[in-house]
Amino acid sequence: MQPRAQALGGRESNASPERAKETLAQTCGNVVVHLIFSTKNRRPLIKAEIRPDLFAYLGGIIREMRGTAIIINGTVDHVHVLARIRPVNSPAEIARVIKTNSSRWLHEKWRIKFAWQSGYGVFSVSESNISSVTRYIGNQEARHQKCSFQEEFVAFLKKNNVAYDERYLWD
């Protein structure tokens, strides 16, 4: 039985997957995400001397996934990534690829025992808020002289109305 458009209030259509390929030439979107993740147990492993290389490497991963890193910054125990990603990539996939590849790279290049926390935070960012989020990410060093990563992350969750159980936030 073919679905009928009348069920949705429209007119009947003879659209098929083959026909859709002809009429929908591309997928378009403007998906901007703010990813936040920390080192496992918030260990202070991201020393100042490796940050520029690490942040550049993270940007390269995003570029390989055909996205654009707008800004990447962080401190000794966590990273913020503001990126424009393709609609075909989920934020979960972006986070997984970034964390897996960069962890391996840190082991190989810097010879440190390194791991990211298993979870992460992801928040959508509207085009009109990109500049304020960019400033926020750019000021990480100053911000973390006043508050810890845990305090910052919980504040993000509250500000964005994300339900959470603190027993499961940290590993």
Protein backbone atom coordinates (compact mmCIF):
# COMPACT_ATOMS: atom_id res chain seq x y z
CA MET A 1 0.00 0.00 0.00
CA GLN A 2 1.40 3.38 -1.01
CA PRO A 3 1.18 6.22 1.53
CA ARG A 4 -1.18 8.95 0.47
CA ALA A 5 -0.49 12.66 0.87
CA GLN A 6 -4.12 13.27 1.90
CA ALA A 7 -3.29 11.82 5.32
CA LEU A 8 -1.08 14.87 5.84
CA GLY A 9 -3.52 17.30 4.29
CA GLY A 10 -1.66 17.61 1.00
CA ARG A 11 -2.28 16.30 -2.45
CA GLU A 12 -1.51 12.78 -3.55
CA SER A 13 2.03 12.30 -4.82
CA ASN A 14 3.84 9.62 -6.76
CA ALA A 15 7.20 10.49 -5.13
CA SER A 16 9.69 7.67 -4.84
CA PRO A 17 13.23 7.52 -3.45
CA GLU A 18 14.53 7.64 -7.03
CA ARG A 19 12.45 10.76 -7.76
CA ALA A 20 13.68 12.41 -4.55
CA LYS A 21 17.29 12.03 -5.73
CA GLU A 22 16.34 14.01 -8.84
CA THR A 23 14.58 16.83 -6.99
CA LEU A 24 16.75 17.19 -3.86
CA ALA A 25 20.19 17.89 -5.20
CA GLN A 26 21.84 18.57 -1.84
CA THR A 27 21.30 18.78 1.88
CA CYS A 28 21.72 22.28 3.25
CA GLY A 29 22.04 23.48 6.79
CA ASN A 30 23.82 25.76 9.20
CA VAL A 31 24.62 23.59 12.21
CA VAL A 32 26.84 25.30 14.78
CA VAL A 33 27.73 23.38 17.93
CA HIS A 34 29.64 24.15 21.09
CA LEU A 35 31.32 20.96 22.32
CA ILE A 36 32.85 20.75 25.80
CA PHE A 37 34.84 17.79 27.08
CA SER A 38 37.48 17.21 29.71
CA THR A 39 40.39 14.97 30.35
CA LYS A 40 39.56 11.77 32.20
CA ASN A 41 39.13 12.60 35.90
CA ARG A 42 39.92 16.20 34.95
CA ARG A 43 43.62 15.48 35.15
CA PRO A 44 45.71 18.56 34.24
CA LEU A 45 47.30 17.00 31.15
CA ILE A 46 46.82 19.74 28.55
CA LYS A 47 49.94 21.73 29.36
CA ALA A 48 50.48 25.17 27.84
CA GLU A 49 53.25 23.89 25.55
CA ILE A 50 51.00 21.32 23.84
CA ARG A 51 47.81 23.39 23.59
CA PRO A 52 48.56 25.16 20.28
CA ASP A 53 49.40 21.86 18.57
CA LEU A 54 46.43 20.07 20.15
CA PHE A 55 43.95 22.78 19.20
CA ALA A 56 45.32 22.87 15.64
CA TYR A 57 45.03 19.08 15.46
CA LEU A 58 41.40 19.20 16.67
CA GLY A 59 40.68 21.82 14.00
CA GLY A 60 42.26 19.55 11.39
CA ILE A 61 39.97 16.69 12.41
CA ILE A 62 36.94 18.92 12.00
CA ARG A 63 38.24 20.08 8.61
CA GLU A 64 38.72 16.44 7.53
CA MET A 65 35.05 15.91 8.38
CA ARG A 66 34.32 18.87 6.08
CA GLY A 67 33.38 21.15 8.97
CA THR A 68 34.82 24.47 10.11
CA ALA A 69 36.38 25.06 13.50
CA ILE A 70 35.41 28.60 14.48
CA ILE A 71 37.44 28.60 17.70
CA ILE A 72 39.06 25.95 19.88
CA ASN A 73 40.42 26.79 23.31
CA GLY A 74 40.67 25.34 26.77
CA THR A 75 42.73 24.90 29.89
CA VAL A 76 44.78 22.15 31.50
CA ASP A 77 41.77 19.88 31.99
CA HIS A 78 39.19 20.58 29.29
CA VAL A 79 38.50 21.87 25.79
CA HIS A 80 35.79 23.99 24.18
CA VAL A 81 35.16 23.61 20.43
CA LEU A 82 32.87 25.91 18.47
CA ALA A 83 32.36 24.40 15.05
CA ARG A 84 30.13 24.57 12.03
CA ILE A 85 29.39 20.97 11.06
CA ARG A 86 27.71 19.32 8.10
CA PRO A 87 24.10 18.19 8.59
CA VAL A 88 25.15 14.63 7.75
CA ASN A 89 27.43 14.49 10.82
CA SER A 90 25.86 14.20 14.24
CA PRO A 91 27.46 16.01 17.18
CA ALA A 92 27.99 12.56 18.75
CA GLU A 93 29.99 11.43 15.71
CA ILE A 94 32.06 14.63 15.72
CA ALA A 95 32.84 14.23 19.44
CA ARG A 96 33.73 10.55 19.04
CA VAL A 97 36.08 11.14 16.11
CA ILE A 98 37.74 14.18 17.72
CA LYS A 99 38.30 12.44 21.05
CA THR A 100 39.45 9.11 19.60
CA ASN A 101 41.90 10.56 17.09
CA SER A 102 43.30 13.28 19.33
CA SER A 103 43.84 10.86 22.21
CA ARG A 104 45.83 8.56 19.93
CA TRP A 105 47.77 11.54 18.55
CA LEU A 106 48.63 12.78 22.05
CA HIS A 107 49.95 9.31 22.96
CA GLU A 108 52.09 9.14 19.84
CA LYS A 109 53.37 12.73 19.57
CA TRP A 110 53.72 13.74 23.22
CA ARG A 111 54.26 10.30 24.80
CA ILE A 112 51.80 10.95 27.60
CA LYS A 113 49.22 8.60 29.02
CA PHE A 114 46.13 10.48 27.94
CA ALA A 115 42.39 9.91 27.90
CA TRP A 116 39.33 12.08 27.51
CA GLN A 117 36.31 11.66 29.77
CA SER A 118 33.76 9.32 28.25
CA GLY A 119 31.03 11.96 28.02
CA TYR A 120 30.83 15.49 26.66
CA GLY A 121 28.51 18.45 26.48
CA VAL A 122 27.06 19.74 23.24
CA PHE A 123 25.02 22.88 22.83
CA SER A 124 23.49 24.37 19.70
CA VAL A 125 24.52 27.93 18.87
CA SER A 126 22.49 30.30 16.73
CA GLU A 127 24.23 32.36 14.08
CA SER A 128 23.47 35.52 16.08
CA ASN A 129 25.32 34.15 19.15
CA ILE A 130 28.52 32.97 17.46
CA SER A 131 30.48 36.12 18.37
CA SER A 132 29.53 35.98 22.07
CA VAL A 133 30.31 32.25 22.29
CA THR A 134 33.62 32.90 20.51
CA ARG A 135 34.52 35.53 23.12
CA TYR A 136 33.49 33.18 25.91
CA ILE A 137 35.68 30.36 24.58
CA GLY A 138 38.56 32.76 23.96
CA ASN A 139 38.58 33.83 27.64
CA GLN A 140 38.99 30.38 29.19
CA GLU A 141 42.22 31.08 31.08
CA ALA A 142 40.77 34.14 32.84
CA ARG A 143 37.45 32.42 33.52
CA HIS A 144 39.06 29.44 35.19
CA GLN A 145 40.98 31.58 37.63
CA LYS A 146 37.54 32.14 39.18
CA CYS A 147 35.75 28.79 38.74
CA SER A 148 36.49 25.13 38.14
CA PHE A 149 35.59 23.14 35.05
CA GLN A 150 32.89 21.32 37.05
CA GLU A 151 31.29 24.61 38.13
CA GLU A 152 31.40 25.93 34.58
CA PHE A 153 29.92 22.75 33.09
CA VAL A 154 27.06 22.54 35.60
CA ALA A 155 26.31 26.24 34.95
CA PHE A 156 26.11 25.43 31.20
CA LEU A 157 23.69 22.60 31.85
CA LYS A 158 21.47 24.82 34.02
CA LYS A 159 21.60 27.76 31.58
CA ASN A 160 20.54 25.45 28.73
CA ASN A 161 17.84 23.65 30.75
CA VAL A 162 19.57 20.29 30.46
CA ALA A 163 18.38 17.74 33.01
CA TYR A 164 21.26 15.91 34.68
CA ASP A 165 22.18 13.78 37.65
CA GLU A 166 25.54 14.89 39.05
CA ARG A 167 26.32 11.31 40.08
CA TYR A 168 26.79 10.50 36.39
CA LEU A 169 28.52 13.65 35.11
CA TRP A 170 32.09 12.84 36.03
CA ASP A 171 34.35 9.89 35.37
